[in-house]
N, C-alpha and C. Protein backbone atom coordinates (compact mmCIF):
# COMPACT_ATOMS: atom_id res chain seq x y z
N MET A 1 -55.44 -4.84 42.84
CA MET A 1 -56.05 -3.66 42.07
C MET A 1 -56.83 -4.45 41.21
N ALA A 2 -58.24 -3.83 40.35
CA ALA A 2 -58.99 -4.81 39.69
C ALA A 2 -58.94 -4.00 38.66
N ASN A 3 -59.10 -4.96 37.54
CA ASN A 3 -59.52 -3.97 36.17
C ASN A 3 -61.12 -4.08 36.15
N THR A 4 -61.49 -3.87 36.22
CA THR A 4 -63.16 -3.39 35.96
C THR A 4 -63.77 -3.58 34.74
N ALA A 5 -62.75 -3.19 33.56
CA ALA A 5 -63.07 -3.59 32.46
C ALA A 5 -63.65 -5.05 31.95
N ASN A 6 -62.67 -5.92 32.33
CA ASN A 6 -62.95 -7.28 32.30
C ASN A 6 -62.73 -8.60 33.25
N ASN A 7 -62.94 -7.76 34.53
CA ASN A 7 -63.60 -8.06 35.88
C ASN A 7 -62.19 -8.96 36.15
N ARG A 8 -61.59 -8.88 35.67
CA ARG A 8 -60.11 -9.65 36.19
C ARG A 8 -59.37 -9.25 37.13
N VAL A 9 -58.52 -9.73 37.94
CA VAL A 9 -57.95 -9.29 38.98
C VAL A 9 -56.40 -9.29 38.75
N VAL A 10 -55.48 -7.88 38.36
CA VAL A 10 -54.42 -7.84 38.01
C VAL A 10 -53.27 -8.05 39.16
N PRO A 11 -52.37 -9.17 39.52
CA PRO A 11 -51.93 -9.02 40.26
C PRO A 11 -50.70 -8.04 40.42
N VAL A 12 -50.52 -7.74 41.96
CA VAL A 12 -49.33 -6.73 41.90
C VAL A 12 -47.53 -7.29 42.53
N ALA A 13 -47.04 -7.74 41.70
CA ALA A 13 -45.98 -8.06 42.74
C ALA A 13 -45.53 -6.93 43.55
N SER A 14 -45.04 -7.39 44.90
CA SER A 14 -44.55 -6.53 46.28
C SER A 14 -42.90 -6.60 45.46
N ILE A 15 -42.75 -4.44 45.62
CA ILE A 15 -41.22 -4.48 45.30
C ILE A 15 -40.34 -4.53 46.70
N GLU A 16 -39.54 -5.49 46.31
CA GLU A 16 -38.76 -5.74 47.31
C GLU A 16 -37.83 -4.81 47.49
N LYS A 17 -37.23 -4.70 48.43
CA LYS A 17 -35.57 -3.75 48.96
C LYS A 17 -34.64 -4.24 48.03
N GLN A 18 -34.73 -4.98 47.43
CA GLN A 18 -33.40 -5.21 47.23
C GLN A 18 -33.70 -5.19 45.68
N ALA A 19 -34.86 -5.02 44.63
CA ALA A 19 -34.75 -5.03 43.60
C ALA A 19 -34.60 -3.23 43.48
N TRP A 20 -34.85 -2.58 43.84
CA TRP A 20 -34.27 -1.20 43.89
C TRP A 20 -32.84 -0.96 44.45
N LYS A 21 -31.81 -2.09 45.21
CA LYS A 21 -30.37 -1.67 44.78
C LYS A 21 -30.06 -1.97 43.27
N LEU A 22 -28.71 -1.11 43.17
CA LEU A 22 -28.17 -1.04 41.99
C LEU A 22 -27.34 -2.25 41.72
N GLU A 23 -27.17 -2.82 40.56
CA GLU A 23 -26.23 -4.08 40.47
C GLU A 23 -24.72 -3.51 41.10
N ALA A 24 -24.08 -5.03 41.25
CA ALA A 24 -22.95 -4.45 41.81
C ALA A 24 -22.14 -4.00 40.07
N PRO A 25 -20.90 -3.40 41.10
CA PRO A 25 -20.02 -3.00 40.25
C PRO A 25 -19.37 -4.03 39.34
N LYS A 26 -19.10 -4.80 39.64
CA LYS A 26 -18.53 -5.83 38.94
C LYS A 26 -19.00 -6.81 37.97
N HIS A 27 -20.41 -6.76 38.25
CA HIS A 27 -21.37 -7.38 37.53
C HIS A 27 -21.82 -6.13 36.34
N ARG A 28 -21.51 -4.67 36.42
CA ARG A 28 -21.98 -3.94 35.65
C ARG A 28 -20.77 -3.72 34.88
N ARG A 29 -19.87 -3.46 35.17
CA ARG A 29 -18.32 -3.68 34.48
C ARG A 29 -18.36 -4.81 33.37
N ARG A 30 -18.85 -5.76 33.85
CA ARG A 30 -19.02 -7.01 32.99
C ARG A 30 -19.97 -6.84 31.95
N SER A 31 -21.12 -6.75 31.84
CA SER A 31 -22.18 -6.15 30.75
C SER A 31 -21.71 -5.28 29.35
N ILE A 32 -21.08 -3.75 30.28
CA ILE A 32 -20.54 -2.72 30.00
C ILE A 32 -19.12 -3.72 28.00
N ILE A 33 -18.56 -4.37 29.20
CA ILE A 33 -17.44 -5.00 28.17
C ILE A 33 -18.35 -5.84 27.01
N ARG A 34 -19.23 -6.49 27.47
CA ARG A 34 -19.51 -8.06 26.53
C ARG A 34 -20.68 -6.87 25.58
N GLU A 35 -21.50 -6.17 26.48
CA GLU A 35 -22.02 -5.18 25.26
C GLU A 35 -20.95 -4.44 24.28
N PHE A 36 -19.90 -4.12 24.83
CA PHE A 36 -18.78 -3.42 23.73
C PHE A 36 -18.51 -4.22 22.55
N ALA A 37 -18.03 -5.32 23.05
CA ALA A 37 -17.81 -6.55 22.69
C ALA A 37 -18.49 -7.20 21.20
N LEU A 38 -19.62 -7.50 22.16
CA LEU A 38 -20.55 -7.61 20.68
C LEU A 38 -21.08 -6.95 19.45
N ASN A 39 -20.97 -5.45 19.90
CA ASN A 39 -20.99 -4.26 18.63
C ASN A 39 -19.98 -3.98 18.23
N THR A 40 -18.58 -4.37 18.50
CA THR A 40 -17.71 -3.62 17.74
C THR A 40 -17.50 -4.07 16.14
N SER A 41 -16.42 -3.77 15.81
CA SER A 41 -16.36 -3.86 14.33
C SER A 41 -14.81 -4.23 14.24
N THR A 42 -14.18 -4.65 15.35
CA THR A 42 -13.04 -5.26 15.92
C THR A 42 -13.12 -6.85 15.43
N HIS A 43 -12.80 -7.03 14.74
CA HIS A 43 -12.76 -9.14 14.35
C HIS A 43 -12.57 -10.03 15.57
N GLY A 44 -13.04 -10.91 15.57
CA GLY A 44 -13.09 -11.72 17.38
C GLY A 44 -13.66 -11.76 18.35
N LEU A 45 -13.51 -10.47 18.37
CA LEU A 45 -14.39 -9.60 19.73
C LEU A 45 -15.71 -10.48 20.25
N PRO A 46 -16.76 -9.82 18.97
CA PRO A 46 -17.61 -10.57 18.81
C PRO A 46 -18.35 -11.99 19.21
N GLY A 47 -17.04 -12.66 18.58
CA GLY A 47 -16.56 -13.95 18.73
C GLY A 47 -16.78 -14.48 19.87
N MET A 48 -15.99 -13.88 20.38
CA MET A 48 -15.62 -14.17 22.46
C MET A 48 -17.07 -13.99 22.81
N ALA A 49 -17.51 -13.37 23.07
CA ALA A 49 -19.02 -12.39 23.36
C ALA A 49 -20.14 -13.47 23.75
N ARG A 50 -19.83 -13.85 22.33
CA ARG A 50 -20.96 -14.99 21.46
C ARG A 50 -20.78 -16.15 22.26
N SER A 51 -19.27 -16.66 22.50
CA SER A 51 -19.11 -18.08 22.75
C SER A 51 -20.28 -18.52 23.89
N GLU A 52 -20.46 -19.02 23.90
CA GLU A 52 -21.19 -20.24 24.34
C GLU A 52 -20.55 -21.74 25.49
N SER A 53 -19.51 -21.90 25.00
CA SER A 53 -18.69 -22.98 25.33
C SER A 53 -17.07 -22.12 25.72
N LYS A 54 -16.26 -23.35 26.79
CA LYS A 54 -15.22 -22.62 26.84
C LYS A 54 -14.25 -22.69 25.74
N HIS A 55 -14.32 -23.95 24.97
CA HIS A 55 -13.23 -24.55 23.76
C HIS A 55 -13.46 -23.27 23.33
N ASN A 56 -15.09 -22.67 22.55
CA ASN A 56 -14.92 -22.04 21.05
C ASN A 56 -14.37 -20.32 22.11
N CYS A 57 -14.67 -19.75 23.24
CA CYS A 57 -14.34 -18.76 23.82
C CYS A 57 -12.59 -19.11 23.93
N ILE A 58 -11.75 -19.99 24.49
CA ILE A 58 -10.37 -20.38 24.36
C ILE A 58 -10.26 -20.05 22.77
N PHE A 59 -10.34 -20.45 21.79
CA PHE A 59 -10.31 -20.47 20.32
C PHE A 59 -10.47 -19.08 19.76
N TRP A 60 -11.53 -18.28 20.22
CA TRP A 60 -11.64 -17.20 19.36
C TRP A 60 -10.24 -15.76 20.33
N THR A 61 -10.25 -16.24 21.89
CA THR A 61 -9.48 -14.98 22.67
C THR A 61 -7.68 -16.02 22.70
N LEU A 62 -7.64 -16.80 21.64
CA LEU A 62 -6.39 -17.07 20.98
C LEU A 62 -6.00 -17.05 19.98
N SER A 63 -7.16 -16.74 18.85
CA SER A 63 -7.22 -16.25 17.64
C SER A 63 -6.80 -14.69 17.62
N PHE A 64 -7.63 -14.39 18.53
CA PHE A 64 -7.77 -12.34 18.45
C PHE A 64 -6.36 -12.01 19.32
N PHE A 65 -5.96 -12.62 19.95
CA PHE A 65 -4.29 -12.70 20.56
C PHE A 65 -3.35 -12.62 18.82
N ILE A 66 -3.46 -13.95 18.72
CA ILE A 66 -2.44 -14.24 17.85
C ILE A 66 -1.94 -13.44 17.01
N PHE A 67 -3.50 -12.74 16.25
CA PHE A 67 -3.23 -12.29 15.29
C PHE A 67 -3.11 -10.79 15.48
N ALA A 68 -3.75 -10.40 16.84
CA ALA A 68 -2.95 -8.79 17.00
C ALA A 68 -1.53 -8.92 17.20
N ALA A 69 -1.16 -10.05 17.42
CA ALA A 69 0.00 -10.09 17.68
C ALA A 69 0.94 -9.80 16.25
N ILE A 70 0.54 -10.58 15.88
CA ILE A 70 0.83 -10.35 14.27
C ILE A 70 0.90 -8.86 13.91
N MET A 71 0.13 -8.37 13.78
CA MET A 71 -0.47 -6.97 13.23
C MET A 71 0.36 -5.98 13.93
N ILE A 72 0.45 -6.23 15.46
CA ILE A 72 1.57 -5.19 15.89
C ILE A 72 3.07 -5.27 15.17
N TYR A 73 3.47 -6.49 15.19
CA TYR A 73 4.85 -6.87 14.52
C TYR A 73 4.96 -5.80 13.27
N PHE A 74 3.75 -6.40 12.11
CA PHE A 74 4.31 -6.05 10.94
C PHE A 74 3.72 -3.97 11.31
N VAL A 75 3.08 -3.78 11.90
CA VAL A 75 3.21 -2.32 11.73
C VAL A 75 4.86 -1.66 12.81
N THR A 76 5.09 -2.11 13.63
CA THR A 76 6.19 -2.12 13.92
C THR A 76 7.40 -2.04 13.20
N GLN A 77 7.87 -2.93 12.51
CA GLN A 77 8.49 -3.17 11.63
C GLN A 77 8.47 -2.38 10.35
N SER A 78 7.13 -1.96 9.73
CA SER A 78 6.66 -0.55 9.10
C SER A 78 7.31 0.66 9.57
N ILE A 79 6.73 1.09 10.61
CA ILE A 79 7.57 2.03 11.40
C ILE A 79 8.90 2.49 11.20
N THR A 80 9.31 1.41 12.20
CA THR A 80 11.27 1.25 11.60
C THR A 80 11.57 1.39 10.82
N ASN A 81 11.07 0.68 9.82
CA ASN A 81 11.90 0.61 8.17
C ASN A 81 11.65 2.57 7.75
N TYR A 82 10.23 2.58 7.83
CA TYR A 82 10.43 4.43 7.80
C TYR A 82 11.04 5.42 8.39
N PHE A 83 11.45 4.94 9.55
CA PHE A 83 12.67 5.99 9.93
C PHE A 83 13.88 5.91 9.77
N GLN A 84 13.90 4.65 9.55
CA GLN A 84 15.65 4.24 8.85
C GLN A 84 16.59 5.16 7.62
N TYR A 85 14.68 5.42 6.97
CA TYR A 85 14.96 6.14 5.67
C TYR A 85 16.35 5.09 4.74
N PRO A 86 16.31 4.26 4.45
CA PRO A 86 16.41 3.05 3.41
C PRO A 86 15.87 4.07 1.88
N THR A 87 17.32 3.69 1.23
CA THR A 87 17.53 4.57 -0.28
C THR A 87 18.45 3.25 -0.73
N GLN A 88 17.67 2.93 -1.72
CA GLN A 88 18.33 2.17 -3.14
C GLN A 88 18.51 2.25 -3.99
N THR A 89 19.51 2.56 -4.76
CA THR A 89 19.62 2.95 -6.28
C THR A 89 20.37 2.08 -7.41
N SER A 90 19.64 1.77 -8.28
CA SER A 90 20.12 0.89 -9.30
C SER A 90 20.37 1.07 -10.30
N VAL A 91 20.97 1.20 -10.93
CA VAL A 91 21.42 2.13 -12.08
C VAL A 91 22.33 0.83 -13.32
N SER A 92 21.90 0.83 -14.28
CA SER A 92 22.09 -0.23 -15.39
C SER A 92 22.34 0.34 -16.71
N ILE A 93 22.91 -0.21 -17.02
CA ILE A 93 23.22 0.26 -18.57
C ILE A 93 23.07 -0.60 -18.95
N PHE A 94 21.94 -1.07 -19.86
CA PHE A 94 21.73 -1.55 -21.66
C PHE A 94 22.15 -1.12 -22.61
N VAL A 95 22.97 -1.79 -23.73
CA VAL A 95 23.30 -0.99 -24.93
C VAL A 95 22.81 -2.37 -25.56
N GLU A 96 21.19 -1.60 -25.92
CA GLU A 96 20.92 -2.62 -27.15
C GLU A 96 21.48 -2.33 -28.60
N ARG A 97 21.51 -1.42 -29.10
CA ARG A 97 21.63 -0.85 -29.97
C ARG A 97 22.71 0.32 -30.09
N SER A 98 23.78 0.08 -31.40
CA SER A 98 24.70 0.96 -31.22
C SER A 98 23.95 2.56 -31.97
N GLN A 99 24.62 3.64 -31.16
CA GLN A 99 24.01 4.65 -31.87
C GLN A 99 23.85 5.22 -32.88
N VAL A 100 23.72 5.32 -33.81
CA VAL A 100 23.32 5.72 -35.22
C VAL A 100 23.35 7.17 -35.15
N PHE A 101 22.69 8.25 -34.48
CA PHE A 101 22.96 9.34 -34.80
C PHE A 101 23.32 10.15 -33.69
N PRO A 102 24.86 11.35 -34.02
CA PRO A 102 25.80 11.70 -33.16
C PRO A 102 24.47 12.56 -31.67
N ALA A 103 25.54 12.51 -30.97
CA ALA A 103 24.80 13.00 -29.57
C ALA A 103 24.78 14.64 -30.04
N VAL A 104 25.66 15.33 -30.64
CA VAL A 104 25.37 16.71 -30.95
C VAL A 104 25.66 16.89 -32.52
N THR A 105 24.22 17.72 -33.30
CA THR A 105 24.20 17.76 -34.56
C THR A 105 24.13 18.99 -35.10
N PHE A 106 24.42 19.46 -36.40
CA PHE A 106 24.75 20.94 -36.49
C PHE A 106 23.87 21.01 -37.47
N CYS A 107 22.60 21.87 -37.15
CA CYS A 107 21.78 21.68 -38.61
C CYS A 107 21.28 23.19 -38.99
N ASN A 108 21.36 23.52 -40.24
CA ASN A 108 21.28 24.89 -40.46
C ASN A 108 19.80 25.11 -41.39
N TYR A 109 19.22 23.94 -41.04
CA TYR A 109 17.52 24.17 -41.84
C TYR A 109 17.12 24.11 -43.03
N ALA A 110 18.74 24.01 -43.24
CA ALA A 110 18.60 23.31 -45.36
C ALA A 110 18.37 22.07 -45.44
N PRO A 111 17.47 21.22 -45.89
CA PRO A 111 16.79 19.83 -46.51
C PRO A 111 17.76 20.15 -47.56
N ALA A 112 17.66 20.84 -48.58
CA ALA A 112 18.33 20.49 -49.86
C ALA A 112 20.09 20.21 -49.62
N ARG A 113 20.77 19.93 -50.63
CA ARG A 113 22.26 19.94 -50.50
C ARG A 113 22.56 21.09 -51.97
N TYR A 114 23.03 22.02 -51.52
CA TYR A 114 23.32 23.24 -52.01
C TYR A 114 24.18 22.99 -53.84
N ASP A 115 25.08 21.87 -52.89
CA ASP A 115 26.08 21.77 -54.26
C ASP A 115 25.49 20.74 -55.29
N LEU A 116 24.52 20.12 -54.89
CA LEU A 116 23.91 19.35 -55.92
C LEU A 116 22.87 19.95 -56.66
N LEU A 117 21.95 20.91 -56.41
CA LEU A 117 20.96 21.05 -56.36
C LEU A 117 20.81 22.56 -57.28
N ILE A 118 22.09 23.33 -56.73
CA ILE A 118 22.52 24.71 -57.56
C ILE A 118 22.27 24.43 -59.15
N GLU A 119 22.83 23.59 -59.45
CA GLU A 119 23.16 23.47 -61.44
C GLU A 119 22.31 23.36 -61.92
N PRO A 120 21.30 22.15 -61.34
CA PRO A 120 19.81 21.68 -62.44
C PRO A 120 18.78 22.98 -62.24
N PHE A 121 19.21 23.42 -60.67
CA PHE A 121 18.43 24.98 -60.42
C PHE A 121 18.41 25.98 -61.54
N LEU A 122 19.72 26.53 -61.50
CA LEU A 122 20.01 27.56 -62.79
C LEU A 122 19.85 26.97 -64.28
N ASN A 123 20.45 25.80 -64.04
CA ASN A 123 20.13 25.30 -65.83
C ASN A 123 18.49 25.61 -66.30
N TYR A 124 17.70 25.31 -64.92
CA TYR A 124 15.95 25.45 -64.97
C TYR A 124 15.57 26.88 -64.98
N THR A 125 16.27 28.26 -64.73
CA THR A 125 15.85 29.17 -64.67
C THR A 125 16.03 30.19 -65.78
N ASN A 126 17.60 29.38 -66.36
CA ASN A 126 18.25 29.66 -67.76
C ASN A 126 16.83 29.65 -68.84
N SER A 127 16.91 28.54 -68.51
CA SER A 127 15.61 28.02 -69.67
C SER A 127 14.27 28.18 -70.18
N ILE A 128 14.12 28.98 -69.05
CA ILE A 128 12.44 29.88 -68.47
C ILE A 128 12.76 30.98 -68.76
N ASN A 129 14.25 31.77 -69.51
CA ASN A 129 14.68 33.24 -69.14
C ASN A 129 14.46 33.70 -68.19
N ALA A 130 14.20 33.18 -67.02
CA ALA A 130 13.99 34.02 -65.80
C ALA A 130 15.46 34.91 -65.48
N THR A 131 16.30 33.93 -65.53
CA THR A 131 17.96 34.61 -65.14
C THR A 131 18.36 33.83 -66.09
N ASN A 132 19.77 34.57 -66.22
CA ASN A 132 20.62 33.92 -67.35
C ASN A 132 22.13 34.35 -66.13
N THR A 133 22.07 33.47 -65.83
CA THR A 133 23.26 33.91 -64.64
C THR A 133 24.06 32.00 -64.32
N ASN A 134 25.38 32.12 -64.64
CA ASN A 134 25.94 30.87 -63.96
C ASN A 134 26.54 30.67 -62.87
N ASP A 135 26.54 31.65 -61.85
CA ASP A 135 27.23 32.05 -60.59
C ASP A 135 26.71 31.00 -59.94
N THR A 136 27.04 30.72 -59.27
CA THR A 136 26.81 29.20 -57.90
C THR A 136 27.22 29.73 -56.71
N THR A 137 27.85 30.90 -56.71
CA THR A 137 28.00 30.93 -55.18
C THR A 137 27.26 32.49 -54.51
N THR A 138 26.46 32.93 -55.52
CA THR A 138 25.00 34.06 -54.82
C THR A 138 23.56 33.38 -55.10
N PHE A 139 22.95 33.68 -54.31
CA PHE A 139 21.18 33.30 -54.44
C PHE A 139 20.80 34.58 -53.99
N THR A 140 19.64 34.86 -55.43
CA THR A 140 19.17 35.87 -55.55
C THR A 140 17.79 35.86 -54.55
N VAL A 141 17.21 36.98 -54.29
CA VAL A 141 15.81 36.76 -53.79
C VAL A 141 14.49 36.28 -54.92
N LYS A 142 15.08 36.78 -56.37
CA LYS A 142 14.65 36.28 -57.17
C LYS A 142 14.38 34.45 -57.29
N GLN A 143 15.71 34.37 -57.30
CA GLN A 143 15.63 32.92 -57.46
C GLN A 143 15.01 32.54 -56.66
N ALA A 144 15.22 32.70 -55.22
CA ALA A 144 14.58 31.69 -54.08
C ALA A 144 13.11 32.02 -54.55
N ILE A 145 12.54 32.43 -54.82
CA ILE A 145 11.02 32.48 -55.48
C ILE A 145 10.91 31.52 -56.42
N LEU A 146 11.42 31.78 -57.07
CA LEU A 146 11.47 30.20 -58.51
C LEU A 146 11.97 29.27 -57.74
N LEU A 147 12.58 28.49 -56.78
CA LEU A 147 13.19 27.55 -56.28
C LEU A 147 12.04 26.56 -56.20
N ARG A 148 11.22 27.22 -55.55
CA ARG A 148 9.52 26.42 -55.35
C ARG A 148 8.81 25.85 -56.66
N GLN A 149 8.75 27.10 -57.28
CA GLN A 149 8.40 26.43 -58.81
C GLN A 149 9.43 25.30 -59.30
N PHE A 150 11.00 25.47 -59.31
CA PHE A 150 11.56 24.17 -59.69
C PHE A 150 11.19 23.02 -59.40
N LEU A 151 10.97 22.97 -58.14
CA LEU A 151 10.85 21.52 -56.96
C LEU A 151 9.54 21.06 -57.83
N GLN A 152 8.30 21.76 -57.96
CA GLN A 152 6.90 21.74 -58.49
C GLN A 152 6.92 20.94 -59.75
N VAL A 153 7.96 21.70 -60.55
CA VAL A 153 8.19 21.25 -62.03
C VAL A 153 8.62 19.50 -61.83
N GLN A 154 9.87 19.78 -60.90
CA GLN A 154 10.23 18.03 -60.78
C GLN A 154 9.23 16.89 -60.29
N LEU A 155 8.32 17.55 -59.12
CA LEU A 155 7.54 16.42 -58.99
C LEU A 155 6.52 16.29 -60.48
N ASN A 156 6.04 17.29 -61.04
CA ASN A 156 5.14 16.90 -61.67
C ASN A 156 5.42 16.55 -62.80
N THR A 157 7.23 16.03 -63.02
CA THR A 157 7.71 15.69 -64.62
C THR A 157 8.33 14.57 -63.64
N ASP A 158 8.09 13.56 -62.73
CA ASP A 158 8.44 12.69 -61.71
C ASP A 158 9.78 12.06 -62.40
N GLN A 159 10.36 13.31 -61.94
CA GLN A 159 11.78 13.23 -61.61
C GLN A 159 12.34 12.77 -60.62
N SER A 160 13.29 12.21 -59.83
CA SER A 160 13.40 11.90 -58.61
C SER A 160 14.42 13.37 -57.55
N MET A 161 13.67 13.30 -56.51
CA MET A 161 14.29 14.70 -56.05
C MET A 161 15.40 14.25 -54.88
N ILE A 162 15.51 12.91 -54.74
CA ILE A 162 16.32 11.97 -53.89
C ILE A 162 17.54 13.06 -53.95
N GLU A 163 17.74 12.57 -55.04
CA GLU A 163 19.06 13.41 -55.29
C GLU A 163 19.75 14.62 -55.02
N TYR A 164 19.12 15.71 -54.51
CA TYR A 164 19.00 17.24 -54.04
C TYR A 164 18.93 17.54 -52.43
N PHE A 165 18.82 16.37 -52.11
CA PHE A 165 18.51 16.80 -50.90
C PHE A 165 19.61 15.06 -49.71
N PHE A 166 19.97 16.03 -48.70
CA PHE A 166 20.79 14.92 -47.65
C PHE A 166 20.04 13.27 -47.30
N SER A 167 21.23 13.01 -47.30
CA SER A 167 20.31 11.26 -47.10
C SER A 167 21.22 11.23 -45.94
N LEU A 168 20.53 9.96 -45.19
CA LEU A 168 20.99 9.72 -43.66
C LEU A 168 22.72 9.33 -43.66
N ASP A 169 23.30 8.79 -44.68
CA ASP A 169 24.13 8.07 -44.76
C ASP A 169 25.18 9.44 -44.64
N THR A 170 24.88 10.97 -45.39
CA THR A 170 25.61 12.02 -45.12
C THR A 170 25.59 12.74 -43.82
N MET A 171 24.48 12.25 -43.29
CA MET A 171 24.47 12.80 -41.69
C MET A 171 25.38 12.71 -40.73
N LEU A 172 25.23 11.22 -40.74
CA LEU A 172 26.24 10.51 -39.66
C LEU A 172 27.73 10.47 -39.31
N ILE A 173 27.93 10.80 -38.27
CA ILE A 173 29.53 10.68 -38.01
C ILE A 173 30.25 9.18 -37.60
N GLU A 174 31.00 8.97 -38.22
CA GLU A 174 31.52 7.83 -37.98
C GLU A 174 32.83 7.53 -37.20
């Protein structure tokens, strides 16, 4: 066959009968395995497939099988531990300080001590002519309204209000 554009002769190789034959099955399997080993993301297999010397191939093969065995060991250990359903409960009590507050308290939402507040309060209401009573057993609605005014006067005149309220010592149970 001649190429007329360049006036050169292009040789045509004769196609032999053997070229048409398929590769031998053993060689084809080996090339497929080699191609897989070169392109896999598994560590170690590409090193085995790329190795050109026997020493390098032996190193990669031993490394691959040793670390695969280690991985299989740890995976089986994890699975057996999981299916044994181990439970471990550890309870320890550390007493860092003594309990200051009681476990149960009874509170009537009254921060003020009635026994200490009522006499100064009645003196105040009597002094402003709001009430004229010395009865410490009853508390009227009018007195409840005047209680806030009494506390404001106490604060504005810089008088201590600590004595009218419960202290921490009186709330503790010994």
